[in-house]
Amino acid sequence: MATETRSRSSSDGTTGELLAVAATILLASAPALFALYVIFDTFSPTGQTASLLDYATTTMSGAIIFAVLWFGLVLFAYWPSLAEAWNDR
């Protein structure tokens, strides 16, 4: 008596779709990542008495707000696609 076993391989495209959605989220988040990069790049621990958290929330609060709102917008737009690709894998 033979039993039929079915193995799922990544050749059906679901893994590729998952990677494509994840890469799209990363690419769409580039402006938010750039805003965070600007915060880290302009912070100078030797020239200031404020910590990185104080610097980010006071001097660069606009960049933080932009990064959080933009990333939230990107996740809102692409999360259903990511969840569907994850469930189909």
PDB file of N, CA and C in Angstrom:
ATOM      1  N   MET A   1       0.849  -1.162   0.000  1.00  0.00           N
ATOM      2  CA  MET A   1       0.000   0.000   0.000  1.00  0.00           C
ATOM      3  C   MET A   1       0.898   1.229   0.000  1.00  0.00           C
ATOM      4  N   ALA A   2       0.748   1.985  -1.004  1.00  0.00           N
ATOM      5  CA  ALA A   2       1.570   3.182  -1.135  1.00  0.00           C
ATOM      6  C   ALA A   2       0.786   4.390  -0.648  1.00  0.00           C
ATOM      7  N   THR A   3       1.488   5.221   0.057  1.00  0.00           N
ATOM      8  CA  THR A   3       0.854   6.469   0.505  1.00  0.00           C
ATOM      9  C   THR A   3       1.442   7.617  -0.294  1.00  0.00           C
ATOM     10  N   GLU A   4       0.588   8.525  -0.630  1.00  0.00           N
ATOM     11  CA  GLU A   4       1.039   9.658  -1.425  1.00  0.00           C
ATOM     12  C   GLU A   4       1.430  10.795  -0.494  1.00  0.00           C
ATOM     13  N   THR A   5       2.642  11.236  -0.650  1.00  0.00           N
ATOM     14  CA  THR A   5       3.094  12.379   0.147  1.00  0.00           C
ATOM     15  C   THR A   5       3.335  13.542  -0.783  1.00  0.00           C
ATOM     16  N   ARG A   6       2.973  14.682  -0.321  1.00  0.00           N
ATOM     17  CA  ARG A   6       3.160  15.889  -1.126  1.00  0.00           C
ATOM     18  C   ARG A   6       4.044  16.844  -0.347  1.00  0.00           C
ATOM     19  N   SER A   7       5.108  17.205  -0.941  1.00  0.00           N
ATOM     20  CA  SER A   7       5.975  18.175  -0.285  1.00  0.00           C
ATOM     21  C   SER A   7       5.853  19.504  -0.998  1.00  0.00           C
ATOM     22  N   ARG A   8       5.821  20.558  -0.221  1.00  0.00           N
ATOM     23  CA  ARG A   8       5.725  21.893  -0.794  1.00  0.00           C
ATOM     24  C   ARG A   8       7.133  22.415  -1.038  1.00  0.00           C
ATOM     25  N   SER A   9       7.333  22.831  -2.206  1.00  0.00           N
ATOM     26  CA  SER A   9       8.644  23.378  -2.536  1.00  0.00           C
ATOM     27  C   SER A   9       8.498  24.863  -2.791  1.00  0.00           C
ATOM     28  N   SER A  10       9.610  25.535  -2.805  1.00  0.00           N
ATOM     29  CA  SER A  10       9.589  26.971  -3.051  1.00  0.00           C
ATOM     30  C   SER A  10       9.466  27.293  -4.533  1.00  0.00           C
ATOM     31  N   SER A  11       9.327  26.274  -5.356  1.00  0.00           N
ATOM     32  CA  SER A  11       9.238  26.524  -6.787  1.00  0.00           C
ATOM     33  C   SER A  11       7.857  27.012  -7.206  1.00  0.00           C
ATOM     34  N   ASP A  12       6.883  26.965  -6.309  1.00  0.00           N
ATOM     35  CA  ASP A  12       5.549  27.415  -6.692  1.00  0.00           C
ATOM     36  C   ASP A  12       5.408  28.929  -6.633  1.00  0.00           C
ATOM     37  N   GLY A  13       6.441  29.639  -6.219  1.00  0.00           N
ATOM     38  CA  GLY A  13       6.431  31.089  -6.286  1.00  0.00           C
ATOM     39  C   GLY A  13       6.007  31.799  -5.019  1.00  0.00           C
ATOM     40  N   THR A  14       5.564  31.068  -4.000  1.00  0.00           N
ATOM     41  CA  THR A  14       5.106  31.751  -2.798  1.00  0.00           C
ATOM     42  C   THR A  14       6.259  32.379  -2.030  1.00  0.00           C
ATOM     43  N   THR A  15       7.390  31.723  -2.008  1.00  0.00           N
ATOM     44  CA  THR A  15       8.544  32.308  -1.330  1.00  0.00           C
ATOM     45  C   THR A  15       9.028  33.536  -2.079  1.00  0.00           C
ATOM     46  N   GLY A  16       9.022  33.453  -3.376  1.00  0.00           N
ATOM     47  CA  GLY A  16       9.405  34.606  -4.183  1.00  0.00           C
ATOM     48  C   GLY A  16       8.447  35.768  -4.000  1.00  0.00           C
ATOM     49  N   GLU A  17       7.154  35.445  -3.884  1.00  0.00           N
ATOM     50  CA  GLU A  17       6.170  36.503  -3.652  1.00  0.00           C
ATOM     51  C   GLU A  17       6.370  37.141  -2.283  1.00  0.00           C
ATOM     52  N   LEU A  18       6.671  36.331  -1.284  1.00  0.00           N
ATOM     53  CA  LEU A  18       6.929  36.849   0.052  1.00  0.00           C
ATOM     54  C   LEU A  18       8.151  37.766   0.048  1.00  0.00           C
ATOM     55  N   LEU A  19       9.198  37.358  -0.629  1.00  0.00           N
ATOM     56  CA  LEU A  19      10.396  38.191  -0.728  1.00  0.00           C
ATOM     57  C   LEU A  19      10.126  39.470  -1.509  1.00  0.00           C
ATOM     58  N   ALA A  20       9.301  39.376  -2.534  1.00  0.00           N
ATOM     59  CA  ALA A  20       8.973  40.561  -3.330  1.00  0.00           C
ATOM     60  C   ALA A  20       8.196  41.576  -2.494  1.00  0.00           C
ATOM     61  N   VAL A  21       7.251  41.113  -1.704  1.00  0.00           N
ATOM     62  CA  VAL A  21       6.480  42.022  -0.862  1.00  0.00           C
ATOM     63  C   VAL A  21       7.377  42.634   0.215  1.00  0.00           C
ATOM     64  N   ALA A  22       8.234  41.816   0.827  1.00  0.00           N
ATOM     65  CA  ALA A  22       9.143  42.341   1.850  1.00  0.00           C
ATOM     66  C   ALA A  22      10.110  43.370   1.252  1.00  0.00           C
ATOM     67  N   ALA A  23      10.611  43.103   0.059  1.00  0.00           N
ATOM     68  CA  ALA A  23      11.506  44.058  -0.595  1.00  0.00           C
ATOM     69  C   ALA A  23      10.768  45.338  -0.970  1.00  0.00           C
ATOM     70  N   THR A  24       9.515  45.219  -1.356  1.00  0.00           N
ATOM     71  CA  THR A  24       8.720  46.404  -1.672  1.00  0.00           C
ATOM     72  C   THR A  24       8.503  47.254  -0.435  1.00  0.00           C
ATOM     73  N   ILE A  25       8.229  46.618   0.692  1.00  0.00           N
ATOM     74  CA  ILE A  25       8.063  47.359   1.937  1.00  0.00           C
ATOM     75  C   ILE A  25       9.363  48.075   2.303  1.00  0.00           C
ATOM     76  N   LEU A  26      10.475  47.388   2.158  1.00  0.00           N
ATOM     77  CA  LEU A  26      11.765  48.007   2.462  1.00  0.00           C
ATOM     78  C   LEU A  26      12.055  49.175   1.520  1.00  0.00           C
ATOM     79  N   LEU A  27      11.779  48.996   0.246  1.00  0.00           N
ATOM     80  CA  LEU A  27      12.009  50.062  -0.721  1.00  0.00           C
ATOM     81  C   LEU A  27      11.067  51.242  -0.489  1.00  0.00           C
ATOM     82  N   ALA A  28       9.813  50.958  -0.186  1.00  0.00           N
ATOM     83  CA  ALA A  28       8.854  52.033   0.066  1.00  0.00           C
ATOM     84  C   ALA A  28       9.160  52.764   1.366  1.00  0.00           C
ATOM     85  N   SER A  29       9.875  52.124   2.270  1.00  0.00           N
ATOM     86  CA  SER A  29      10.247  52.743   3.534  1.00  0.00           C
ATOM     87  C   SER A  29      11.540  53.539   3.447  1.00  0.00           C
ATOM     88  N   ALA A  30      12.110  53.659   2.272  1.00  0.00           N
ATOM     89  CA  ALA A  30      13.376  54.367   2.104  1.00  0.00           C
ATOM     90  C   ALA A  30      13.342  55.798   2.627  1.00  0.00           C
ATOM     91  N   PRO A  31      12.288  56.584   2.411  1.00  0.00           N
ATOM     92  CA  PRO A  31      12.282  57.936   2.989  1.00  0.00           C
ATOM     93  C   PRO A  31      12.322  57.940   4.521  1.00  0.00           C
ATOM     94  N   ALA A  32      11.628  57.005   5.133  1.00  0.00           N
ATOM     95  CA  ALA A  32      11.656  56.924   6.592  1.00  0.00           C
ATOM     96  C   ALA A  32      13.039  56.484   7.081  1.00  0.00           C
ATOM     97  N   LEU A  33      13.630  55.531   6.382  1.00  0.00           N
ATOM     98  CA  LEU A  33      14.970  55.093   6.758  1.00  0.00           C
ATOM     99  C   LEU A  33      15.985  56.215   6.563  1.00  0.00           C
ATOM    100  N   PHE A  34      15.802  57.035   5.529  1.00  0.00           N
ATOM    101  CA  PHE A  34      16.693  58.162   5.313  1.00  0.00           C
ATOM    102  C   PHE A  34      16.544  59.192   6.434  1.00  0.00           C
ATOM    103  N   ALA A  35      15.324  59.419   6.900  1.00  0.00           N
ATOM    104  CA  ALA A  35      15.112  60.352   8.012  1.00  0.00           C
ATOM    105  C   ALA A  35      15.824  59.856   9.270  1.00  0.00           C
ATOM    106  N   LEU A  36      15.767  58.563   9.521  1.00  0.00           N
ATOM    107  CA  LEU A  36      16.483  58.015  10.681  1.00  0.00           C
ATOM    108  C   LEU A  36      17.996  58.108  10.479  1.00  0.00           C
ATOM    109  N   TYR A  37      18.452  57.915   9.242  1.00  0.00           N
ATOM    110  CA  TYR A  37      19.870  58.061   8.952  1.00  0.00           C
ATOM    111  C   TYR A  37      20.339  59.488   9.230  1.00  0.00           C
ATOM    112  N   VAL A  38      19.533  60.474   8.853  1.00  0.00           N
ATOM    113  CA  VAL A  38      19.896  61.871   9.097  1.00  0.00           C
ATOM    114  C   VAL A  38      20.031  62.129  10.595  1.00  0.00           C
ATOM    115  N   ILE A  39      19.153  61.564  11.387  1.00  0.00           N
ATOM    116  CA  ILE A  39      19.245  61.735  12.844  1.00  0.00           C
ATOM    117  C   ILE A  39      20.554  61.161  13.366  1.00  0.00           C
ATOM    118  N   PHE A  40      20.878  59.946  12.951  1.00  0.00           N
ATOM    119  CA  PHE A  40      22.112  59.321  13.435  1.00  0.00           C
ATOM    120  C   PHE A  40      23.355  60.021  12.895  1.00  0.00           C
ATOM    121  N   ASP A  41      23.274  60.515  11.677  1.00  0.00           N
ATOM    122  CA  ASP A  41      24.427  61.159  11.064  1.00  0.00           C
ATOM    123  C   ASP A  41      24.725  62.527  11.672  1.00  0.00           C
ATOM    124  N   THR A  42      23.688  63.279  12.018  1.00  0.00           N
ATOM    125  CA  THR A  42      23.903  64.628  12.542  1.00  0.00           C
ATOM    126  C   THR A  42      24.148  64.655  14.045  1.00  0.00           C
ATOM    127  N   PHE A  43      23.912  63.547  14.722  1.00  0.00           N
ATOM    128  CA  PHE A  43      24.160  63.505  16.164  1.00  0.00           C
ATOM    129  C   PHE A  43      25.651  63.372  16.423  1.00  0.00           C
ATOM    130  N   SER A  44      26.141  64.245  17.286  1.00  0.00           N
ATOM    131  CA  SER A  44      27.550  64.212  17.650  1.00  0.00           C
ATOM    132  C   SER A  44      27.646  64.070  19.169  1.00  0.00           C
ATOM    133  N   PRO A  45      28.011  62.907  19.671  1.00  0.00           N
ATOM    134  CA  PRO A  45      28.036  62.714  21.117  1.00  0.00           C
ATOM    135  C   PRO A  45      29.111  63.543  21.825  1.00  0.00           C
ATOM    136  N   THR A  46      30.149  63.910  21.116  1.00  0.00           N
ATOM    137  CA  THR A  46      31.201  64.697  21.760  1.00  0.00           C
ATOM    138  C   THR A  46      30.868  66.183  21.793  1.00  0.00           C
ATOM    139  N   GLY A  47      30.065  66.654  20.864  1.00  0.00           N
ATOM    140  CA  GLY A  47      29.771  68.075  20.784  1.00  0.00           C
ATOM    141  C   GLY A  47      28.510  68.492  21.516  1.00  0.00           C
ATOM    142  N   GLN A  48      27.773  67.541  22.047  1.00  0.00           N
ATOM    143  CA  GLN A  48      26.516  67.870  22.704  1.00  0.00           C
ATOM    144  C   GLN A  48      26.441  67.177  24.047  1.00  0.00           C
ATOM    145  N   THR A  49      25.648  67.778  24.925  1.00  0.00           N
ATOM    146  CA  THR A  49      25.449  67.159  26.235  1.00  0.00           C
ATOM    147  C   THR A  49      24.206  66.294  26.258  1.00  0.00           C
ATOM    148  N   ALA A  50      23.349  66.414  25.251  1.00  0.00           N
ATOM    149  CA  ALA A  50      22.117  65.637  25.201  1.00  0.00           C
ATOM    150  C   ALA A  50      22.394  64.222  24.700  1.00  0.00           C
ATOM    151  N   SER A  51      21.586  63.303  25.166  1.00  0.00           N
ATOM    152  CA  SER A  51      21.709  61.930  24.678  1.00  0.00           C
ATOM    153  C   SER A  51      21.055  61.833  23.300  1.00  0.00           C
ATOM    154  N   LEU A  52      21.225  60.705  22.658  1.00  0.00           N
ATOM    155  CA  LEU A  52      20.637  60.503  21.334  1.00  0.00           C
ATOM    156  C   LEU A  52      19.119  60.591  21.396  1.00  0.00           C
ATOM    157  N   LEU A  53      18.521  60.049  22.419  1.00  0.00           N
ATOM    158  CA  LEU A  53      17.072  60.105  22.563  1.00  0.00           C
ATOM    159  C   LEU A  53      16.589  61.539  22.740  1.00  0.00           C
ATOM    160  N   ASP A  54      17.284  62.315  23.575  1.00  0.00           N
ATOM    161  CA  ASP A  54      16.920  63.726  23.753  1.00  0.00           C
ATOM    162  C   ASP A  54      17.103  64.505  22.452  1.00  0.00           C
ATOM    163  N   TYR A  55      18.174  64.251  21.756  1.00  0.00           N
ATOM    164  CA  TYR A  55      18.438  64.931  20.487  1.00  0.00           C
ATOM    165  C   TYR A  55      17.367  64.590  19.451  1.00  0.00           C
ATOM    166  N   ALA A  56      17.001  63.317  19.382  1.00  0.00           N
ATOM    167  CA  ALA A  56      16.018  62.893  18.390  1.00  0.00           C
ATOM    168  C   ALA A  56      14.625  63.436  18.696  1.00  0.00           C
ATOM    169  N   THR A  57      14.284  63.552  19.966  1.00  0.00           N
ATOM    170  CA  THR A  57      12.928  63.998  20.308  1.00  0.00           C
ATOM    171  C   THR A  57      12.800  65.512  20.400  1.00  0.00           C
ATOM    172  N   THR A  58      13.904  66.229  20.462  1.00  0.00           N
ATOM    173  CA  THR A  58      13.798  67.689  20.524  1.00  0.00           C
ATOM    174  C   THR A  58      14.238  68.323  19.208  1.00  0.00           C
ATOM    175  N   THR A  59      15.492  68.210  18.874  1.00  0.00           N
ATOM    176  CA  THR A  59      16.025  68.852  17.673  1.00  0.00           C
ATOM    177  C   THR A  59      15.483  68.211  16.399  1.00  0.00           C
ATOM    178  N   MET A  60      15.401  66.927  16.379  1.00  0.00           N
ATOM    179  CA  MET A  60      14.984  66.215  15.173  1.00  0.00           C
ATOM    180  C   MET A  60      13.585  65.618  15.302  1.00  0.00           C
ATOM    181  N   SER A  61      12.716  66.252  16.043  1.00  0.00           N
ATOM    182  CA  SER A  61      11.382  65.681  16.253  1.00  0.00           C
ATOM    183  C   SER A  61      10.593  65.605  14.953  1.00  0.00           C
ATOM    184  N   GLY A  62      10.808  66.539  14.042  1.00  0.00           N
ATOM    185  CA  GLY A  62      10.132  66.479  12.755  1.00  0.00           C
ATOM    186  C   GLY A  62      10.520  65.247  11.957  1.00  0.00           C
ATOM    187  N   ALA A  63      11.798  64.891  12.009  1.00  0.00           N
ATOM    188  CA  ALA A  63      12.261  63.701  11.293  1.00  0.00           C
ATOM    189  C   ALA A  63      11.677  62.436  11.911  1.00  0.00           C
ATOM    190  N   ILE A  64      11.574  62.401  13.229  1.00  0.00           N
ATOM    191  CA  ILE A  64      10.978  61.238  13.905  1.00  0.00           C
ATOM    192  C   ILE A  64       9.508  61.109  13.536  1.00  0.00           C
ATOM    193  N   ILE A  65       8.793  62.215  13.579  1.00  0.00           N
ATOM    194  CA  ILE A  65       7.367  62.184  13.233  1.00  0.00           C
ATOM    195  C   ILE A  65       7.186  61.735  11.788  1.00  0.00           C
ATOM    196  N   PHE A  66       7.992  62.290  10.885  1.00  0.00           N
ATOM    197  CA  PHE A  66       7.911  61.889   9.483  1.00  0.00           C
ATOM    198  C   PHE A  66       8.191  60.398   9.324  1.00  0.00           C
ATOM    199  N   ALA A  67       9.244  59.903   9.954  1.00  0.00           N
ATOM    200  CA  ALA A  67       9.620  58.496   9.807  1.00  0.00           C
ATOM    201  C   ALA A  67       8.524  57.571  10.326  1.00  0.00           C
ATOM    202  N   VAL A  68       7.949  57.890  11.466  1.00  0.00           N
ATOM    203  CA  VAL A  68       6.904  57.037  12.042  1.00  0.00           C
ATOM    204  C   VAL A  68       5.647  57.070  11.172  1.00  0.00           C
ATOM    205  N   LEU A  69       5.230  58.249  10.745  1.00  0.00           N
ATOM    206  CA  LEU A  69       4.034  58.344   9.911  1.00  0.00           C
ATOM    207  C   LEU A  69       4.226  57.672   8.556  1.00  0.00           C
ATOM    208  N   TRP A  70       5.378  57.879   7.945  1.00  0.00           N
ATOM    209  CA  TRP A  70       5.625  57.270   6.641  1.00  0.00           C
ATOM    210  C   TRP A  70       5.667  55.751   6.739  1.00  0.00           C
ATOM    211  N   PHE A  71       6.361  55.236   7.748  1.00  0.00           N
ATOM    212  CA  PHE A  71       6.457  53.785   7.906  1.00  0.00           C
ATOM    213  C   PHE A  71       5.088  53.191   8.224  1.00  0.00           C
ATOM    214  N   GLY A  72       4.281  53.905   9.010  1.00  0.00           N
ATOM    215  CA  GLY A  72       2.923  53.445   9.283  1.00  0.00           C
ATOM    216  C   GLY A  72       2.082  53.397   8.021  1.00  0.00           C
ATOM    217  N   LEU A  73       2.239  54.395   7.171  1.00  0.00           N
ATOM    218  CA  LEU A  73       1.513  54.421   5.906  1.00  0.00           C
ATOM    219  C   LEU A  73       1.936  53.257   5.006  1.00  0.00           C
ATOM    220  N   VAL A  74       3.217  52.994   4.957  1.00  0.00           N
ATOM    221  CA  VAL A  74       3.718  51.888   4.130  1.00  0.00           C
ATOM    222  C   VAL A  74       3.203  50.552   4.657  1.00  0.00           C
ATOM    223  N   LEU A  75       3.248  50.357   5.959  1.00  0.00           N
ATOM    224  CA  LEU A  75       2.746  49.099   6.513  1.00  0.00           C
ATOM    225  C   LEU A  75       1.249  48.963   6.299  1.00  0.00           C
ATOM    226  N   PHE A  76       0.505  50.048   6.438  1.00  0.00           N
ATOM    227  CA  PHE A  76      -0.933  50.001   6.196  1.00  0.00           C
ATOM    228  C   PHE A  76      -1.222  49.608   4.755  1.00  0.00           C
ATOM    229  N   ALA A  77      -0.416  50.091   3.831  1.00  0.00           N
ATOM    230  CA  ALA A  77      -0.635  49.801   2.419  1.00  0.00           C
ATOM    231  C   ALA A  77      -0.230  48.383   2.035  1.00  0.00           C
ATOM    232  N   TYR A  78       0.843  47.880   2.601  1.00  0.00           N
ATOM    233  CA  TYR A  78       1.389  46.599   2.154  1.00  0.00           C
ATOM    234  C   TYR A  78       1.195  45.439   3.117  1.00  0.00           C
ATOM    235  N   TRP A  79       0.694  45.670   4.319  1.00  0.00           N
ATOM    236  CA  TRP A  79       0.566  44.583   5.289  1.00  0.00           C
ATOM    237  C   TRP A  79      -0.369  43.482   4.807  1.00  0.00           C
ATOM    238  N   PRO A  80      -1.528  43.774   4.197  1.00  0.00           N
ATOM    239  CA  PRO A  80      -2.374  42.675   3.721  1.00  0.00           C
ATOM    240  C   PRO A  80      -1.666  41.777   2.701  1.00  0.00           C
ATOM    241  N   SER A  81      -0.888  42.363   1.817  1.00  0.00           N
ATOM    242  CA  SER A  81      -0.155  41.559   0.837  1.00  0.00           C
ATOM    243  C   SER A  81       0.903  40.704   1.517  1.00  0.00           C
ATOM    244  N   LEU A  82       1.575  41.270   2.498  1.00  0.00           N
ATOM    245  CA  LEU A  82       2.589  40.510   3.224  1.00  0.00           C
ATOM    246  C   LEU A  82       1.955  39.372   4.004  1.00  0.00           C
ATOM    247  N   ALA A  83       0.832  39.626   4.654  1.00  0.00           N
ATOM    248  CA  ALA A  83       0.154  38.579   5.413  1.00  0.00           C
ATOM    249  C   ALA A  83      -0.351  37.468   4.511  1.00  0.00           C
ATOM    250  N   GLU A  84      -0.882  37.823   3.355  1.00  0.00           N
ATOM    251  CA  GLU A  84      -1.362  36.809   2.416  1.00  0.00           C
ATOM    252  C   GLU A  84      -0.218  35.965   1.876  1.00  0.00           C
ATOM    253  N   ALA A  85       0.900  36.621   1.540  1.00  0.00           N
ATOM    254  CA  ALA A  85       2.060  35.879   1.042  1.00  0.00           C
ATOM    255  C   ALA A  85       2.632  34.990   2.125  1.00  0.00           C
ATOM    256  N   TRP A  86       2.605  35.447   3.370  1.00  0.00           N
ATOM    257  CA  TRP A  86       3.116  34.630   4.480  1.00  0.00           C
ATOM    258  C   TRP A  86       2.228  33.427   4.717  1.00  0.00           C
ATOM    259  N   ASN A  87       0.908  33.607   4.646  1.00  0.00           N
ATOM    260  CA  ASN A  87      -0.013  32.500   4.886  1.00  0.00           C
ATOM    261  C   ASN A  87      -0.013  31.494   3.753  1.00  0.00           C
ATOM    262  N   ASP A  88       0.311  31.925   2.551  1.00  0.00           N
ATOM    263  CA  ASP A  88       0.327  31.026   1.407  1.00  0.00           C
ATOM    264  C   ASP A  88       1.629  30.241   1.262  1.00  0.00           C
ATOM    265  N   ARG A  89       2.616  30.536   2.051  1.00  0.00           N
ATOM    266  CA  ARG A  89       3.904  29.878   1.856  1.00  0.00           C
ATOM    267  C   ARG A  89       3.893  28.442   2.256  1.00  0.00           C
TER     268      ARG A  89
END
